[in-house]
Protein backbone atom coordinates (compact mmCIF):
# COMPACT_ATOMS: atom_id res chain seq x y z
CA UNK A 1 -28.39 3.18 -62.71
CA UNK A 2 -29.80 4.01 -59.62
CA UNK A 3 -30.92 7.71 -58.55
CA UNK A 4 -28.97 8.84 -55.62
CA UNK A 5 -29.27 12.19 -53.84
CA UNK A 6 -25.58 14.19 -54.32
CA UNK A 7 -24.06 15.86 -51.17
CA UNK A 8 -25.33 18.97 -49.75
CA UNK A 9 -22.30 21.00 -51.44
CA UNK A 10 -23.27 19.40 -54.83
CA UNK A 11 -27.20 19.53 -54.48
CA UNK A 12 -28.95 20.87 -57.49
CA UNK A 13 -31.50 22.34 -55.61
CA UNK A 14 -30.42 23.68 -52.08
CA UNK A 15 -34.09 23.41 -50.88
CA UNK A 16 -34.58 19.48 -51.60
CA UNK A 17 -33.91 17.30 -48.47
CA UNK A 18 -30.48 15.54 -48.62
CA UNK A 19 -29.86 12.76 -46.53
CA UNK A 20 -26.83 12.38 -44.09
CA UNK A 21 -23.66 11.28 -45.48
CA UNK A 22 -22.10 8.01 -44.05
CA UNK A 23 -18.74 9.35 -44.80
CA UNK A 24 -17.47 12.86 -45.15
CA UNK A 25 -14.33 13.83 -46.16
CA UNK A 26 -13.05 17.32 -46.03
CA UNK A 27 -9.61 18.87 -47.43
CA UNK A 28 -7.65 16.07 -47.12
CA UNK A 29 -3.94 16.12 -47.53
CA UNK A 30 -1.47 13.55 -47.66
CA UNK A 31 2.46 13.60 -48.39
CA UNK A 32 5.05 11.29 -48.60
CA UNK A 33 8.99 11.79 -47.90
CA UNK A 34 11.07 10.69 -50.44
CA UNK A 35 15.00 11.06 -51.35
CA UNK A 36 14.08 13.56 -54.20
CA UNK A 37 11.60 15.56 -51.96
CA UNK A 38 8.19 15.67 -50.49
CA UNK A 39 5.64 13.93 -52.67
CA UNK A 40 1.87 15.64 -52.13
CA UNK A 41 -0.29 12.54 -53.18
CA UNK A 42 -3.44 14.05 -52.26
CA UNK A 43 -4.07 17.81 -52.19
CA UNK A 44 -7.25 19.05 -50.57
CA UNK A 45 -9.75 16.40 -51.44
CA UNK A 46 -13.21 16.60 -50.40
CA UNK A 47 -16.36 14.64 -50.85
CA UNK A 48 -19.40 13.06 -49.32
CA UNK A 49 -20.65 9.29 -49.45
CA UNK A 50 -24.30 8.76 -48.95
CA UNK A 51 -25.87 5.26 -48.00
CA UNK A 52 -26.47 2.91 -50.34
CA UNK A 53 -24.81 4.81 -53.48
CA UNK A 54 -21.87 3.90 -55.24
CA UNK A 55 -19.31 6.74 -55.80
CA UNK A 56 -16.69 6.06 -58.54
CA UNK A 57 -13.15 7.48 -58.11
CA UNK A 58 -11.49 7.48 -61.64
CA UNK A 59 -8.21 8.61 -62.93
CA UNK A 60 -4.63 7.69 -64.14
CA UNK A 61 -2.26 5.84 -61.87
CA UNK A 62 -0.68 8.25 -59.36
CA UNK A 63 -3.61 10.60 -59.44
CA UNK A 64 -4.05 9.86 -55.61
CA UNK A 65 -7.15 7.62 -55.76
CA UNK A 66 -6.18 4.77 -53.55
CA UNK A 67 -3.96 7.06 -51.00
CA UNK A 68 -6.95 9.03 -50.36
CA UNK A 69 -8.86 6.11 -49.16
CA UNK A 70 -6.21 4.32 -47.80
CA UNK A 71 -5.35 7.07 -45.60
CA UNK A 72 -8.93 6.70 -43.93
CA UNK A 73 -8.16 3.22 -42.77
CA UNK A 74 -4.57 3.95 -41.59
CA UNK A 75 -3.16 1.85 -44.22
CA UNK A 76 -0.62 4.21 -45.53
CA UNK A 77 2.93 3.51 -43.81
CA UNK A 78 3.54 6.50 -41.35
CA UNK A 79 6.73 7.11 -42.32
CA UNK A 80 7.14 7.74 -45.02
CA UNK A 81 3.46 8.84 -45.50
CA UNK A 82 1.90 11.90 -43.34
CA UNK A 83 -1.68 13.06 -43.39
CA UNK A 84 -0.99 16.93 -43.05
CA UNK A 85 -4.43 17.78 -42.66
CA UNK A 86 -7.82 17.08 -43.21
CA UNK A 87 -11.39 15.45 -41.83
CA UNK A 88 -12.94 12.14 -42.24
CA UNK A 89 -16.26 12.09 -40.46
CA UNK A 90 -17.84 8.58 -39.94
CA UNK A 91 -20.31 7.61 -37.51
CA UNK A 92 -19.76 10.97 -35.71
CA UNK A 93 -15.99 10.21 -35.40
CA UNK A 94 -12.98 11.84 -37.18
CA UNK A 95 -11.00 8.80 -38.56
CA UNK A 96 -7.88 10.78 -39.10
CA UNK A 97 -7.80 11.39 -35.08
CA UNK A 98 -8.65 7.87 -33.87
CA UNK A 99 -6.01 5.85 -32.26
CA UNK A 100 -4.80 2.57 -33.95
CA UNK A 101 -6.88 0.44 -31.54
CA UNK A 102 -9.78 2.09 -32.12
CA UNK A 103 -9.49 2.12 -35.88
CA UNK A 104 -9.09 -1.57 -35.83
CA UNK A 105 -12.33 -1.63 -34.13
CA UNK A 106 -13.92 0.09 -37.00
CA UNK A 107 -11.76 -1.31 -39.95
CA UNK A 108 -13.34 -4.74 -41.19
CA UNK A 109 -16.44 -4.23 -39.27
CA UNK A 110 -17.87 -0.72 -40.07
CA UNK A 111 -15.46 -0.05 -43.21
CA UNK A 112 -13.95 -2.67 -45.11
CA UNK A 113 -11.77 -2.86 -48.32
CA UNK A 114 -11.48 -5.24 -51.34
CA UNK A 115 -7.93 -5.03 -52.59
CA UNK A 116 -6.46 -5.06 -56.05
CA UNK A 117 -4.52 -8.13 -55.58
CA UNK A 118 -6.24 -10.95 -53.79
CA UNK A 119 -2.98 -13.10 -53.84
CA UNK A 120 -1.05 -10.90 -52.01
CA UNK A 121 -3.95 -9.93 -49.66
CA UNK A 122 -4.76 -13.66 -48.52
CA UNK A 123 -2.44 -15.43 -46.58
CA UNK A 124 -0.95 -18.37 -48.59
CA UNK A 125 -0.34 -20.80 -45.69
CA UNK A 126 -3.98 -20.19 -44.26
CA UNK A 127 -7.21 -21.78 -45.68
CA UNK A 128 -9.77 -19.64 -46.99
CA UNK A 129 -12.47 -20.37 -44.39
CA UNK A 130 -10.09 -19.80 -41.46
CA UNK A 131 -9.18 -16.28 -43.25
CA UNK A 132 -12.79 -15.34 -43.69
CA UNK A 133 -13.63 -16.89 -40.14
CA UNK A 134 -10.56 -14.54 -38.49
CA UNK A 135 -12.31 -11.27 -39.90
CA UNK A 136 -15.57 -12.49 -38.28
CA UNK A 137 -14.24 -13.49 -34.80
CA UNK A 138 -11.90 -10.43 -34.64
CA UNK A 139 -14.95 -8.17 -34.20
CA UNK A 140 -17.41 -10.92 -32.75
CA UNK A 141 -15.05 -13.01 -30.60
CA UNK A 142 -18.07 -14.90 -28.71
CA UNK A 143 -19.50 -16.58 -31.70
CA UNK A 144 -18.41 -20.19 -31.52
CA UNK A 145 -16.57 -21.90 -34.33
CA UNK A 146 -19.04 -23.88 -35.96
CA UNK A 147 -21.24 -20.86 -36.34
CA UNK A 148 -18.11 -18.99 -37.78
CA UNK A 149 -17.56 -21.80 -40.33
CA UNK A 150 -20.93 -21.90 -41.50
CA UNK A 151 -21.04 -17.93 -41.79
CA UNK A 152 -18.12 -18.67 -43.89
CA UNK A 153 -19.53 -21.47 -46.31
CA UNK A 154 -22.80 -19.22 -46.34
CA UNK A 155 -20.66 -15.94 -47.53
CA UNK A 156 -18.59 -17.93 -50.22
CA UNK A 157 -21.98 -19.46 -51.43
CA UNK A 158 -23.35 -15.71 -51.59
CA UNK A 159 -20.54 -14.46 -53.70
CA UNK A 160 -20.62 -17.42 -56.11
CA UNK A 161 -17.87 -19.84 -55.20
CA UNK A 162 -19.08 -23.35 -56.27
CA UNK A 163 -18.95 -26.14 -53.66
CA UNK A 164 -18.42 -23.94 -50.67
CA UNK A 165 -18.54 -26.59 -48.07
CA UNK A 166 -15.22 -28.02 -49.78
CA UNK A 167 -13.88 -24.63 -50.89
CA UNK A 168 -13.83 -23.36 -47.31
CA UNK A 169 -11.25 -25.78 -46.25
CA UNK A 170 -8.83 -25.06 -49.44
CA UNK A 171 -5.87 -22.82 -49.78
CA UNK A 172 -5.62 -19.47 -51.52
CA UNK A 173 -3.29 -21.20 -54.29
CA UNK A 174 -6.06 -23.72 -55.06
CA UNK A 175 -8.67 -20.91 -56.21
CA UNK A 176 -8.39 -18.87 -59.30
CA UNK A 177 -7.91 -15.37 -59.45
CA UNK A 178 -11.83 -14.91 -60.03
CA UNK A 179 -12.48 -17.21 -57.19
CA UNK A 180 -9.75 -15.55 -54.79
CA UNK A 181 -11.26 -12.02 -55.56
CA UNK A 182 -14.79 -13.54 -54.66
CA UNK A 183 -13.34 -14.57 -51.24
CA UNK A 184 -11.98 -11.43 -50.89
CA UNK A 185 -15.25 -9.72 -51.25
CA UNK A 186 -16.58 -12.58 -49.12
CA UNK A 187 -13.98 -11.55 -46.38
CA UNK A 188 -15.17 -7.73 -46.81
CA UNK A 189 -18.80 -8.33 -46.34
CA UNK A 190 -18.76 -10.68 -43.55
CA UNK A 191 -19.47 -8.36 -40.79
CA UNK A 192 -22.10 -6.08 -42.90
CA UNK A 193 -19.84 -2.83 -43.19
CA UNK A 194 -21.65 0.19 -43.73
CA UNK A 195 -18.89 1.27 -46.28
CA UNK A 196 -17.40 -0.93 -48.80
CA UNK A 197 -14.27 0.56 -50.70
CA UNK A 198 -13.26 -1.60 -53.78
CA UNK A 199 -9.63 -0.63 -54.82
CA UNK A 200 -9.41 -1.77 -58.51
CA UNK A 201 -11.42 -5.09 -57.99
CA UNK A 202 -11.03 -6.40 -61.27
CA UNK A 203 -7.45 -5.36 -62.66
CA UNK A 204 -5.99 -8.79 -62.82
CA UNK A 205 -9.02 -10.51 -64.47
CA UNK A 206 -9.92 -11.36 -68.00
CA UNK A 207 -13.10 -9.44 -69.11
CA UNK A 208 -15.55 -12.27 -68.63
CA UNK A 209 -14.24 -12.82 -65.19
CA UNK A 210 -14.55 -8.79 -64.47
CA UNK A 211 -18.38 -9.18 -65.33
CA UNK A 212 -18.98 -11.87 -62.94
CA UNK A 213 -17.08 -10.02 -60.11
CA UNK A 214 -19.04 -6.77 -60.95
CA UNK A 215 -22.40 -9.17 -60.51
CA UNK A 216 -20.70 -10.11 -57.14
CA UNK A 217 -20.02 -6.59 -55.86
CA UNK A 218 -23.70 -5.82 -56.90
CA UNK A 219 -25.12 -8.94 -55.05
CA UNK A 220 -22.72 -7.91 -51.82
CA UNK A 221 -23.84 -4.14 -51.93
CA UNK A 222 -27.55 -5.46 -51.98
CA UNK A 223 -26.83 -7.87 -49.25
CA UNK A 224 -25.22 -5.64 -46.78
CA UNK A 225 -26.82 -2.13 -48.02
CA UNK A 226 -23.52 -0.44 -47.97
CA UNK A 227 -22.47 2.56 -49.51
CA UNK A 228 -19.56 1.83 -52.03
CA UNK A 229 -16.38 3.55 -53.16
CA UNK A 230 -15.34 2.06 -56.57
CA UNK A 231 -11.51 2.88 -57.13
CA UNK A 232 -10.53 2.44 -60.86
CA UNK A 233 -9.23 3.80 -64.26
CA UNK A 234 -11.48 1.92 -66.12
CA UNK A 235 -14.62 4.12 -67.17
CA UNK A 236 -16.31 0.98 -68.21
CA UNK A 237 -16.59 -0.10 -64.47
CA UNK A 238 -17.69 3.36 -63.82
CA UNK A 239 -20.50 3.36 -66.22
CA UNK A 240 -21.67 -0.33 -65.25
CA UNK A 241 -21.65 0.55 -61.36
CA UNK A 242 -21.20 4.12 -60.14
CA UNK A 243 -24.03 6.64 -59.25
CA UNK A 244 -21.61 9.43 -58.86
CA UNK A 245 -18.16 10.05 -60.34
CA UNK A 246 -15.26 11.80 -58.85
CA UNK A 247 -12.36 12.36 -61.39
CA UNK A 248 -8.51 12.98 -60.15
CA UNK A 249 -5.81 14.33 -61.63
CA UNK A 250 -2.33 14.89 -59.78
CA UNK A 251 -3.66 14.31 -56.44
CA UNK A 252 -6.95 16.96 -56.86
CA UNK A 253 -10.37 16.24 -57.99
CA UNK A 254 -11.01 17.90 -61.25
CA UNK A 255 -14.72 17.14 -61.75
CA UNK A 256 -17.60 15.74 -59.74
CA UNK A 257 -21.19 14.75 -61.23
CA UNK A 258 -23.37 11.91 -61.34
CA UNK A 259 -22.60 9.45 -64.27
CA UNK A 260 -24.87 10.31 -67.06
CA UNK A 261 -24.10 14.08 -66.52
CA UNK A 262 -20.20 13.20 -66.53
CA UNK A 263 -20.22 10.75 -69.44
CA UNK A 264 -22.71 12.94 -71.83
CA UNK A 265 -21.35 16.06 -71.02
CA UNK A 266 -17.98 16.17 -69.38
CA UNK A 267 -16.56 19.55 -68.34
CA UNK A 268 -12.86 19.18 -67.96
CA UNK A 269 -10.21 18.69 -70.49
CA UNK A 270 -8.95 15.82 -68.65
CA UNK A 271 -12.28 14.02 -68.67
CA UNK A 272 -12.60 14.59 -72.02
CA UNK A 273 -9.24 13.09 -72.81
CA UNK A 274 -9.83 9.80 -70.67
CA UNK A 275 -12.86 9.41 -72.86
CA UNK A 276 -11.37 10.17 -76.02
CA UNK A 277 -8.52 7.62 -75.47
CA UNK A 278 -11.13 4.78 -75.00
CA UNK A 279 -11.72 2.53 -77.88
CA UNK A 280 -15.41 3.07 -79.53
CA UNK A 281 -17.34 -0.07 -80.99
CA UNK A 282 -18.74 2.40 -83.53
CA UNK A 283 -15.59 4.44 -84.72
CA UNK A 284 -13.96 3.35 -88.01
CA UNK A 285 -10.33 4.29 -86.95
CA UNK A 286 -8.04 1.59 -85.89
CA UNK A 287 -5.80 4.43 -83.79
CA UNK A 288 -6.46 5.44 -80.01
CA UNK A 289 -6.23 8.92 -79.07
CA UNK A 290 -3.98 9.23 -76.00
CA UNK A 291 -3.68 12.37 -73.74
CA UNK A 292 -0.36 13.89 -74.99
CA UNK A 293 2.54 14.00 -72.49
CA UNK A 294 2.75 12.76 -68.74
CA UNK A 295 1.17 13.31 -65.61
CA UNK A 296 3.15 16.25 -63.48
CA UNK A 297 5.74 15.27 -60.84
CA UNK A 298 3.74 15.44 -57.52
CA UNK A 299 7.12 16.78 -55.87
CA UNK A 300 7.15 19.87 -58.18
CA UNK A 301 3.93 20.46 -59.70
CA UNK A 302 3.55 23.14 -62.33
CA UNK A 303 1.84 26.46 -61.17
CA UNK A 304 -1.35 27.34 -62.25
CA UNK A 305 -3.70 24.27 -63.48
CA UNK A 306 -1.68 21.23 -63.07
CA UNK A 307 -3.31 19.84 -66.23
CA UNK A 308 -2.21 22.65 -68.39
CA UNK A 309 0.70 21.38 -70.12
CA UNK A 310 -1.24 18.54 -71.46
CA UNK A 311 -4.57 20.49 -72.16
CA UNK A 312 -5.92 21.06 -75.68
CA UNK A 313 -8.31 23.84 -74.30
CA UNK A 314 -5.41 25.81 -72.57
CA UNK A 315 -3.82 26.83 -76.00
CA UNK A 316 -0.97 28.61 -73.78
CA UNK A 317 -3.61 31.12 -72.01
CA UNK A 318 -1.87 32.88 -69.00
CA UNK A 319 -4.87 32.37 -66.78
CA UNK A 320 -4.07 28.42 -66.77
CA UNK A 321 -0.45 28.73 -66.48
CA UNK A 322 -0.63 30.96 -63.54
CA UNK A 323 -4.01 30.65 -61.82
CA UNK A 324 -4.77 27.12 -59.92
CA UNK A 325 -8.55 26.64 -61.05
CA UNK A 326 -10.89 26.02 -57.85
CA UNK A 327 -13.41 23.20 -57.73
CA UNK A 328 -16.87 25.34 -59.08
CA UNK A 329 -20.39 24.32 -60.07
CA UNK A 330 -21.63 24.57 -63.57
CA UNK A 331 -24.75 26.25 -63.98
CA UNK A 332 -25.48 26.08 -60.14
CA UNK A 333 -25.87 22.21 -60.50
CA UNK A 334 -24.30 19.19 -58.83
CA UNK A 335 -21.90 18.97 -61.57
CA UNK A 336 -18.29 20.30 -60.55
CA UNK A 337 -15.13 21.24 -62.52
CA UNK A 338 -12.00 22.62 -61.66
CA UNK A 339 -11.56 24.41 -65.04
CA UNK A 340 -11.52 28.27 -66.14
CA UNK A 341 -12.66 27.66 -69.18
CA UNK A 342 -15.34 24.77 -68.81
CA UNK A 343 -17.79 26.80 -70.52
CA UNK A 344 -16.13 26.42 -73.67
CA UNK A 345 -16.81 22.52 -73.39
CA UNK A 346 -20.50 22.98 -73.62
CA UNK A 347 -21.91 20.90 -76.56
CA UNK A 348 -19.03 18.75 -76.71
CA UNK A 349 -20.92 15.78 -75.90
CA UNK A 350 -18.94 12.75 -74.34
CA UNK A 351 -20.22 9.12 -74.67
CA UNK A 352 -21.35 6.29 -72.55
CA UNK A 353 -18.58 3.79 -72.94
CA UNK A 354 -19.53 0.06 -73.40
CA UNK A 355 -19.97 -1.52 -70.08
CA UNK A 356 -17.64 -4.08 -69.03
CA UNK A 357 -18.45 -7.75 -70.22
CA UNK A 358 -21.20 -6.32 -72.72
CA UNK A 359 -21.56 -8.99 -75.34
CA UNK A 360 -19.80 -11.79 -73.33
C-alpha cells in the first residue's frame, strides 16, 4: 500500500512536513427531520484528505458514511435534511456555503462521485456515450461533438469496456452490472477531478467482478491523480485499496489510522467487533462472531459512549455510560480512537483480511 502522510492533526511527528490537504472537513453536523423526531445522521465529523491518497470510510449501514460525503456535494434533500454546522474547505472555498450554481460548477468537474447502484444513476433512455459526453460538455461547452464522442470512447476503453466504439452507442440495459459500473467510473473521471468519491462501488457485484472494478478504480486514480474517498462496509475493500481508514459509528468518527495500524492493532471495541465478525480463512470454526445488539437510534442516542450498550470492553462501567469519549491520539501518534479504555486493547492483534478477489 502507498505511504501517504496523514493530516496535520494526525501526524506522528509534528515537525515532519505535511502537504496541504485537498479537502478539509471540520465539525460537520447533518440532521434529518422525521415524523418521529430529529435524526442526527452525522455528528461532528472532521478529517483531511490529501493529494493522491485513498481514504477509506467504513462502518455499518446507518453510520453516516454516505451522508457525510453527499452533503459536501449538495446531494442531500433539503428539507428534510439540514446541515447544522461545519466547514468543508476545497480549493480555498467552503463547499457548505456555496450557492447551488457555484456548486454545480465544481460537482462533476473537480469533485466527482461513483454511486452505489449504476442502474439508478444512469438514465435508461439515453445512450452511454451521450451521458458521458454530457458530463464533459457541461463543464467544457466549447468542445466539439466529435471530440466529445472520441473522449467518451477513450474513457470506456480506459475502464476496460470491450468494443468501446460500439458500446458508446448502446443503452444502459445493454450493459451488464459490471459494465455499467465501469461506465459510471468513466463518467466520474471524464473531467479529471481532484477528488473522487466512490460510494459502495462494488456492493451489487459478484466477487470476480468486484476485483475487476477495484483494478479499474486503481487505474482511474492513477490516470487522474485524484485523491479518493472510498465509502464501504467491506473491510476487504479497505485492505485492498485504502491508505488511511476512518471508522464511523452512529454518525461519529470512532477510530482513525493508517491501514496497517488499524488492521494489526485496532484500538476501538467497534473496530475489533467488525474484524471479529469477518470469516477467517485459517479458522476451523464454521460460525461467525457478530457484534451483539443493534446500532442505537439516531433520534435518541444513549448517553455516554454511543457504543457502550454493545461493547465487550465497557463491562457496565459508569464512565462509558455517562461520559462521551473524545477522539484522542494513542501514544501521540497518527492513530486516534474515541474509547475511554483503548489502552486495555493493547496487545489484542487484529488481522489483515483477505483482499477482495483474492484467489479468483
